[in-house]
Amino acid sequence: MSTLAELSGNIATVGYGLAAIGPAIGVGIVVGKTIEGVARQPELAGRLQVLMYIGIAFTEALAFIGIAVGFIFV
């Protein structure tokens, strides 16, 4: 019975690792587009930076949901 629990725990760890790839890609896209926007219109750097942080916060919320689901179901 303990091997089943160990297997389940290992699968949950791998599952969260795979689930963390999505938010990482999302943050990369958000930051990249912000840099592109600042390069096109430098006078909007402050406004774009605020929007970037909001976008990163929403994207990272997906990672926190993944952690919570892992704790709930394991």
PDB file of N, CA and C in Angstrom:
ATOM      1  N   MET A   1       0.820  -1.191   0.000  1.00  0.00           N
ATOM      2  CA  MET A   1       0.000   0.000   0.000  1.00  0.00           C
ATOM      3  C   MET A   1       0.869   1.261   0.000  1.00  0.00           C
ATOM      4  N   SER A   2       2.045   1.213   0.604  1.00  0.00           N
ATOM      5  CA  SER A   2       2.883   2.412   0.651  1.00  0.00           C
ATOM      6  C   SER A   2       3.471   2.744  -0.721  1.00  0.00           C
ATOM      7  N   THR A   3       3.696   1.722  -1.562  1.00  0.00           N
ATOM      8  CA  THR A   3       4.215   2.016  -2.893  1.00  0.00           C
ATOM      9  C   THR A   3       3.192   2.775  -3.729  1.00  0.00           C
ATOM     10  N   LEU A   4       1.907   2.496  -3.516  1.00  0.00           N
ATOM     11  CA  LEU A   4       0.866   3.239  -4.230  1.00  0.00           C
ATOM     12  C   LEU A   4       0.873   4.704  -3.816  1.00  0.00           C
ATOM     13  N   ALA A   5       1.052   4.978  -2.520  1.00  0.00           N
ATOM     14  CA  ALA A   5       1.106   6.362  -2.039  1.00  0.00           C
ATOM     15  C   ALA A   5       2.344   7.072  -2.587  1.00  0.00           C
ATOM     16  N   GLU A   6       3.473   6.357  -2.628  1.00  0.00           N
ATOM     17  CA  GLU A   6       4.685   6.964  -3.163  1.00  0.00           C
ATOM     18  C   GLU A   6       4.529   7.278  -4.648  1.00  0.00           C
ATOM     19  N   LEU A   7       3.924   6.366  -5.374  1.00  0.00           N
ATOM     20  CA  LEU A   7       3.701   6.576  -6.797  1.00  0.00           C
ATOM     21  C   LEU A   7       2.765   7.752  -7.028  1.00  0.00           C
ATOM     22  N   SER A   8       1.721   7.848  -6.230  1.00  0.00           N
ATOM     23  CA  SER A   8       0.775   8.951  -6.356  1.00  0.00           C
ATOM     24  C   SER A   8       1.455  10.285  -6.053  1.00  0.00           C
ATOM     25  N   GLY A   9       2.287  10.318  -5.027  1.00  0.00           N
ATOM     26  CA  GLY A   9       2.999  11.545  -4.681  1.00  0.00           C
ATOM     27  C   GLY A   9       3.973  11.962  -5.770  1.00  0.00           C
ATOM     28  N   ASN A  10       4.660  10.991  -6.366  1.00  0.00           N
ATOM     29  CA  ASN A  10       5.605  11.304  -7.438  1.00  0.00           C
ATOM     30  C   ASN A  10       4.878  11.818  -8.664  1.00  0.00           C
ATOM     31  N   ILE A  11       3.734  11.230  -8.979  1.00  0.00           N
ATOM     32  CA  ILE A  11       2.966  11.685 -10.130  1.00  0.00           C
ATOM     33  C   ILE A  11       2.460  13.105  -9.906  1.00  0.00           C
ATOM     34  N   ALA A  12       2.051  13.423  -8.672  1.00  0.00           N
ATOM     35  CA  ALA A  12       1.581  14.779  -8.371  1.00  0.00           C
ATOM     36  C   ALA A  12       2.716  15.789  -8.538  1.00  0.00           C
ATOM     37  N   THR A  13       3.919  15.425  -8.136  1.00  0.00           N
ATOM     38  CA  THR A  13       5.064  16.324  -8.272  1.00  0.00           C
ATOM     39  C   THR A  13       5.383  16.569  -9.741  1.00  0.00           C
ATOM     40  N   VAL A  14       5.376  15.521 -10.521  1.00  0.00           N
ATOM     41  CA  VAL A  14       5.636  15.666 -11.955  1.00  0.00           C
ATOM     42  C   VAL A  14       4.513  16.473 -12.607  1.00  0.00           C
ATOM     43  N   GLY A  15       3.277  16.227 -12.186  1.00  0.00           N
ATOM     44  CA  GLY A  15       2.138  16.971 -12.736  1.00  0.00           C
ATOM     45  C   GLY A  15       2.243  18.458 -12.462  1.00  0.00           C
ATOM     46  N   TYR A  16       2.638  18.824 -11.236  1.00  0.00           N
ATOM     47  CA  TYR A  16       2.781  20.251 -10.958  1.00  0.00           C
ATOM     48  C   TYR A  16       3.940  20.843 -11.738  1.00  0.00           C
ATOM     49  N   GLY A  17       5.006  20.076 -11.897  1.00  0.00           N
ATOM     50  CA  GLY A  17       6.134  20.564 -12.694  1.00  0.00           C
ATOM     51  C   GLY A  17       5.719  20.869 -14.122  1.00  0.00           C
ATOM     52  N   LEU A  18       4.913  19.997 -14.695  1.00  0.00           N
ATOM     53  CA  LEU A  18       4.406  20.242 -16.043  1.00  0.00           C
ATOM     54  C   LEU A  18       3.424  21.401 -16.065  1.00  0.00           C
ATOM     55  N   ALA A  19       2.612  21.530 -15.006  1.00  0.00           N
ATOM     56  CA  ALA A  19       1.641  22.623 -14.942  1.00  0.00           C
ATOM     57  C   ALA A  19       2.327  23.983 -14.774  1.00  0.00           C
ATOM     58  N   ALA A  20       3.527  24.011 -14.229  1.00  0.00           N
ATOM     59  CA  ALA A  20       4.242  25.275 -14.024  1.00  0.00           C
ATOM     60  C   ALA A  20       4.829  25.807 -15.330  1.00  0.00           C
ATOM     61  N   ILE A  21       4.881  24.964 -16.357  1.00  0.00           N
ATOM     62  CA  ILE A  21       5.426  25.411 -17.641  1.00  0.00           C
ATOM     63  C   ILE A  21       4.529  26.476 -18.268  1.00  0.00           C
ATOM     64  N   GLY A  22       3.213  26.319 -18.139  1.00  0.00           N
ATOM     65  CA  GLY A  22       2.270  27.276 -18.720  1.00  0.00           C
ATOM     66  C   GLY A  22       2.448  28.689 -18.197  1.00  0.00           C
ATOM     67  N   PRO A  23       2.422  28.887 -16.866  1.00  0.00           N
ATOM     68  CA  PRO A  23       2.657  30.239 -16.350  1.00  0.00           C
ATOM     69  C   PRO A  23       4.037  30.790 -16.699  1.00  0.00           C
ATOM     70  N   ALA A  24       5.037  29.924 -16.777  1.00  0.00           N
ATOM     71  CA  ALA A  24       6.378  30.407 -17.138  1.00  0.00           C
ATOM     72  C   ALA A  24       6.385  30.949 -18.565  1.00  0.00           C
ATOM     73  N   ILE A  25       5.738  30.239 -19.458  1.00  0.00           N
ATOM     74  CA  ILE A  25       5.638  30.716 -20.837  1.00  0.00           C
ATOM     75  C   ILE A  25       4.827  32.007 -20.887  1.00  0.00           C
ATOM     76  N   GLY A  26       3.741  32.060 -20.102  1.00  0.00           N
ATOM     77  CA  GLY A  26       2.908  33.259 -20.073  1.00  0.00           C
ATOM     78  C   GLY A  26       3.658  34.487 -19.587  1.00  0.00           C
ATOM     79  N   VAL A  27       4.449  34.327 -18.541  1.00  0.00           N
ATOM     80  CA  VAL A  27       5.230  35.456 -18.021  1.00  0.00           C
ATOM     81  C   VAL A  27       6.257  35.896 -19.060  1.00  0.00           C
ATOM     82  N   GLY A  28       6.870  34.939 -19.740  1.00  0.00           N
ATOM     83  CA  GLY A  28       7.829  35.288 -20.781  1.00  0.00           C
ATOM     84  C   GLY A  28       7.189  36.098 -21.893  1.00  0.00           C
ATOM     85  N   ILE A  29       5.986  35.721 -22.285  1.00  0.00           N
ATOM     86  CA  ILE A  29       5.281  36.459 -23.331  1.00  0.00           C
ATOM     87  C   ILE A  29       4.916  37.861 -22.853  1.00  0.00           C
ATOM     88  N   VAL A  30       4.411  37.969 -21.619  1.00  0.00           N
ATOM     89  CA  VAL A  30       4.013  39.274 -21.078  1.00  0.00           C
ATOM     90  C   VAL A  30       5.211  40.217 -21.011  1.00  0.00           C
ATOM     91  N   VAL A  31       6.322  39.740 -20.488  1.00  0.00           N
ATOM     92  CA  VAL A  31       7.511  40.588 -20.366  1.00  0.00           C
ATOM     93  C   VAL A  31       8.064  40.942 -21.744  1.00  0.00           C
ATOM     94  N   GLY A  32       8.084  39.969 -22.643  1.00  0.00           N
ATOM     95  CA  GLY A  32       8.582  40.241 -23.993  1.00  0.00           C
ATOM     96  C   GLY A  32       7.757  41.285 -24.721  1.00  0.00           C
ATOM     97  N   LYS A  33       6.446  41.194 -24.607  1.00  0.00           N
ATOM     98  CA  LYS A  33       5.581  42.172 -25.272  1.00  0.00           C
ATOM     99  C   LYS A  33       5.710  43.549 -24.615  1.00  0.00           C
ATOM    100  N   THR A  34       5.953  43.579 -23.313  1.00  0.00           N
ATOM    101  CA  THR A  34       6.160  44.869 -22.650  1.00  0.00           C
ATOM    102  C   THR A  34       7.449  45.522 -23.146  1.00  0.00           C
ATOM    103  N   ILE A  35       8.512  44.748 -23.266  1.00  0.00           N
ATOM    104  CA  ILE A  35       9.766  45.289 -23.782  1.00  0.00           C
ATOM    105  C   ILE A  35       9.578  45.791 -25.208  1.00  0.00           C
ATOM    106  N   GLU A  36       8.829  45.031 -26.005  1.00  0.00           N
ATOM    107  CA  GLU A  36       8.553  45.451 -27.378  1.00  0.00           C
ATOM    108  C   GLU A  36       7.754  46.755 -27.405  1.00  0.00           C
ATOM    109  N   GLY A  37       6.778  46.879 -26.509  1.00  0.00           N
ATOM    110  CA  GLY A  37       5.980  48.099 -26.448  1.00  0.00           C
ATOM    111  C   GLY A  37       6.790  49.308 -26.018  1.00  0.00           C
ATOM    112  N   VAL A  38       7.691  49.110 -25.051  1.00  0.00           N
ATOM    113  CA  VAL A  38       8.544  50.212 -24.593  1.00  0.00           C
ATOM    114  C   VAL A  38       9.518  50.614 -25.698  1.00  0.00           C
ATOM    115  N   ALA A  39       9.988  49.635 -26.468  1.00  0.00           N
ATOM    116  CA  ALA A  39      10.897  49.966 -27.571  1.00  0.00           C
ATOM    117  C   ALA A  39      10.170  50.786 -28.641  1.00  0.00           C
ATOM    118  N   ARG A  40       8.882  50.521 -28.827  1.00  0.00           N
ATOM    119  CA  ARG A  40       8.125  51.259 -29.846  1.00  0.00           C
ATOM    120  C   ARG A  40       7.712  52.649 -29.359  1.00  0.00           C
ATOM    121  N   GLN A  41       7.309  52.734 -28.077  1.00  0.00           N
ATOM    122  CA  GLN A  41       6.875  54.026 -27.521  1.00  0.00           C
ATOM    123  C   GLN A  41       7.457  54.198 -26.119  1.00  0.00           C
ATOM    124  N   PRO A  42       8.671  54.718 -26.028  1.00  0.00           N
ATOM    125  CA  PRO A  42       9.334  54.843 -24.728  1.00  0.00           C
ATOM    126  C   PRO A  42       8.588  55.740 -23.736  1.00  0.00           C
ATOM    127  N   GLU A  43       7.775  56.667 -24.215  1.00  0.00           N
ATOM    128  CA  GLU A  43       7.072  57.567 -23.294  1.00  0.00           C
ATOM    129  C   GLU A  43       5.986  56.847 -22.502  1.00  0.00           C
ATOM    130  N   LEU A  44       5.599  55.644 -22.923  1.00  0.00           N
ATOM    131  CA  LEU A  44       4.579  54.869 -22.203  1.00  0.00           C
ATOM    132  C   LEU A  44       5.184  53.815 -21.276  1.00  0.00           C
ATOM    133  N   ALA A  45       6.472  53.910 -20.996  1.00  0.00           N
ATOM    134  CA  ALA A  45       7.159  52.886 -20.207  1.00  0.00           C
ATOM    135  C   ALA A  45       6.524  52.690 -18.830  1.00  0.00           C
ATOM    136  N   GLY A  46       6.189  53.773 -18.147  1.00  0.00           N
ATOM    137  CA  GLY A  46       5.599  53.659 -16.812  1.00  0.00           C
ATOM    138  C   GLY A  46       4.259  52.951 -16.833  1.00  0.00           C
ATOM    139  N   ARG A  47       3.405  53.321 -17.763  1.00  0.00           N
ATOM    140  CA  ARG A  47       2.077  52.711 -17.865  1.00  0.00           C
ATOM    141  C   ARG A  47       2.188  51.231 -18.263  1.00  0.00           C
ATOM    142  N   LEU A  48       3.094  50.938 -19.197  1.00  0.00           N
ATOM    143  CA  LEU A  48       3.261  49.552 -19.629  1.00  0.00           C
ATOM    144  C   LEU A  48       3.842  48.684 -18.516  1.00  0.00           C
ATOM    145  N   GLN A  49       4.703  49.273 -17.698  1.00  0.00           N
ATOM    146  CA  GLN A  49       5.285  48.514 -16.596  1.00  0.00           C
ATOM    147  C   GLN A  49       4.208  48.118 -15.592  1.00  0.00           C
ATOM    148  N   VAL A  50       3.301  49.014 -15.289  1.00  0.00           N
ATOM    149  CA  VAL A  50       2.204  48.698 -14.370  1.00  0.00           C
ATOM    150  C   VAL A  50       1.338  47.592 -14.945  1.00  0.00           C
ATOM    151  N   LEU A  51       1.005  47.697 -16.229  1.00  0.00           N
ATOM    152  CA  LEU A  51       0.203  46.658 -16.868  1.00  0.00           C
ATOM    153  C   LEU A  51       0.943  45.327 -16.907  1.00  0.00           C
ATOM    154  N   MET A  52       2.267  45.378 -17.067  1.00  0.00           N
ATOM    155  CA  MET A  52       3.058  44.149 -17.070  1.00  0.00           C
ATOM    156  C   MET A  52       2.966  43.450 -15.724  1.00  0.00           C
ATOM    157  N   TYR A  53       3.088  44.216 -14.638  1.00  0.00           N
ATOM    158  CA  TYR A  53       3.017  43.600 -13.305  1.00  0.00           C
ATOM    159  C   TYR A  53       1.638  43.007 -13.042  1.00  0.00           C
ATOM    160  N   ILE A  54       0.596  43.651 -13.510  1.00  0.00           N
ATOM    161  CA  ILE A  54      -0.754  43.092 -13.359  1.00  0.00           C
ATOM    162  C   ILE A  54      -0.870  41.796 -14.154  1.00  0.00           C
ATOM    163  N   GLY A  55      -0.351  41.792 -15.370  1.00  0.00           N
ATOM    164  CA  GLY A  55      -0.375  40.580 -16.185  1.00  0.00           C
ATOM    165  C   GLY A  55       0.419  39.448 -15.567  1.00  0.00           C
ATOM    166  N   ILE A  56       1.572  39.760 -14.994  1.00  0.00           N
ATOM    167  CA  ILE A  56       2.377  38.735 -14.327  1.00  0.00           C
ATOM    168  C   ILE A  56       1.631  38.182 -13.120  1.00  0.00           C
ATOM    169  N   ALA A  57       0.963  39.054 -12.370  1.00  0.00           N
ATOM    170  CA  ALA A  57       0.215  38.586 -11.198  1.00  0.00           C
ATOM    171  C   ALA A  57      -0.899  37.621 -11.595  1.00  0.00           C
ATOM    172  N   PHE A  58      -1.642  37.954 -12.647  1.00  0.00           N
ATOM    173  CA  PHE A  58      -2.708  37.056 -13.095  1.00  0.00           C
ATOM    174  C   PHE A  58      -2.129  35.751 -13.633  1.00  0.00           C
ATOM    175  N   THR A  59      -1.018  35.819 -14.321  1.00  0.00           N
ATOM    176  CA  THR A  59      -0.412  34.611 -14.874  1.00  0.00           C
ATOM    177  C   THR A  59       0.131  33.719 -13.766  1.00  0.00           C
ATOM    178  N   GLU A  60       0.761  34.305 -12.767  1.00  0.00           N
ATOM    179  CA  GLU A  60       1.291  33.520 -11.660  1.00  0.00           C
ATOM    180  C   GLU A  60       0.182  32.944 -10.786  1.00  0.00           C
ATOM    181  N   ALA A  61      -1.011  33.529 -10.841  1.00  0.00           N
ATOM    182  CA  ALA A  61      -2.136  32.956 -10.101  1.00  0.00           C
ATOM    183  C   ALA A  61      -2.417  31.535 -10.572  1.00  0.00           C
ATOM    184  N   LEU A  62      -2.163  31.262 -11.849  1.00  0.00           N
ATOM    185  CA  LEU A  62      -2.343  29.901 -12.358  1.00  0.00           C
ATOM    186  C   LEU A  62      -1.403  28.929 -11.654  1.00  0.00           C
ATOM    187  N   ALA A  63      -0.175  29.350 -11.400  1.00  0.00           N
ATOM    188  CA  ALA A  63       0.774  28.484 -10.701  1.00  0.00           C
ATOM    189  C   ALA A  63       0.319  28.235  -9.268  1.00  0.00           C
ATOM    190  N   PHE A  64      -0.203  29.259  -8.612  1.00  0.00           N
ATOM    191  CA  PHE A  64      -0.687  29.074  -7.242  1.00  0.00           C
ATOM    192  C   PHE A  64      -1.903  28.158  -7.194  1.00  0.00           C
ATOM    193  N   ILE A  65      -2.755  28.245  -8.197  1.00  0.00           N
ATOM    194  CA  ILE A  65      -3.899  27.331  -8.274  1.00  0.00           C
ATOM    195  C   ILE A  65      -3.383  25.896  -8.443  1.00  0.00           C
ATOM    196  N   GLY A  66      -2.351  25.723  -9.252  1.00  0.00           N
ATOM    197  CA  GLY A  66      -1.757  24.388  -9.417  1.00  0.00           C
ATOM    198  C   GLY A  66      -1.211  23.835  -8.109  1.00  0.00           C
ATOM    199  N   ILE A  67      -0.579  24.671  -7.317  1.00  0.00           N
ATOM    200  CA  ILE A  67      -0.074  24.216  -6.013  1.00  0.00           C
ATOM    201  C   ILE A  67      -1.240  23.833  -5.105  1.00  0.00           C
ATOM    202  N   ALA A  68      -2.279  24.654  -5.076  1.00  0.00           N
ATOM    203  CA  ALA A  68      -3.434  24.378  -4.217  1.00  0.00           C
ATOM    204  C   ALA A  68      -4.116  23.085  -4.625  1.00  0.00           C
ATOM    205  N   VAL A  69      -4.270  22.879  -5.910  1.00  0.00           N
ATOM    206  CA  VAL A  69      -4.898  21.632  -6.374  1.00  0.00           C
ATOM    207  C   VAL A  69      -4.048  20.429  -5.976  1.00  0.00           C
ATOM    208  N   GLY A  70      -2.743  20.578  -6.073  1.00  0.00           N
ATOM    209  CA  GLY A  70      -1.858  19.492  -5.645  1.00  0.00           C
ATOM    210  C   GLY A  70      -2.024  19.150  -4.179  1.00  0.00           C
ATOM    211  N   PHE A  71      -2.169  20.160  -3.324  1.00  0.00           N
ATOM    212  CA  PHE A  71      -2.367  19.888  -1.898  1.00  0.00           C
ATOM    213  C   PHE A  71      -3.751  19.338  -1.600  1.00  0.00           C
ATOM    214  N   ILE A  72      -4.736  19.765  -2.351  1.00  0.00           N
ATOM    215  CA  ILE A  72      -6.108  19.311  -2.098  1.00  0.00           C
ATOM    216  C   ILE A  72      -6.271  17.840  -2.474  1.00  0.00           C
ATOM    217  N   PHE A  73      -5.751  17.463  -3.626  1.00  0.00           N
ATOM    218  CA  PHE A  73      -6.019  16.118  -4.135  1.00  0.00           C
ATOM    219  C   PHE A  73      -4.975  15.079  -3.768  1.00  0.00           C
ATOM    220  N   VAL A  74      -3.881  15.488  -3.129  1.00  0.00           N
ATOM    221  CA  VAL A  74      -2.872  14.490  -2.762  1.00  0.00           C
ATOM    222  C   VAL A  74      -2.969  14.120  -1.322  1.00  0.00           C
TER     223      VAL A  74
END
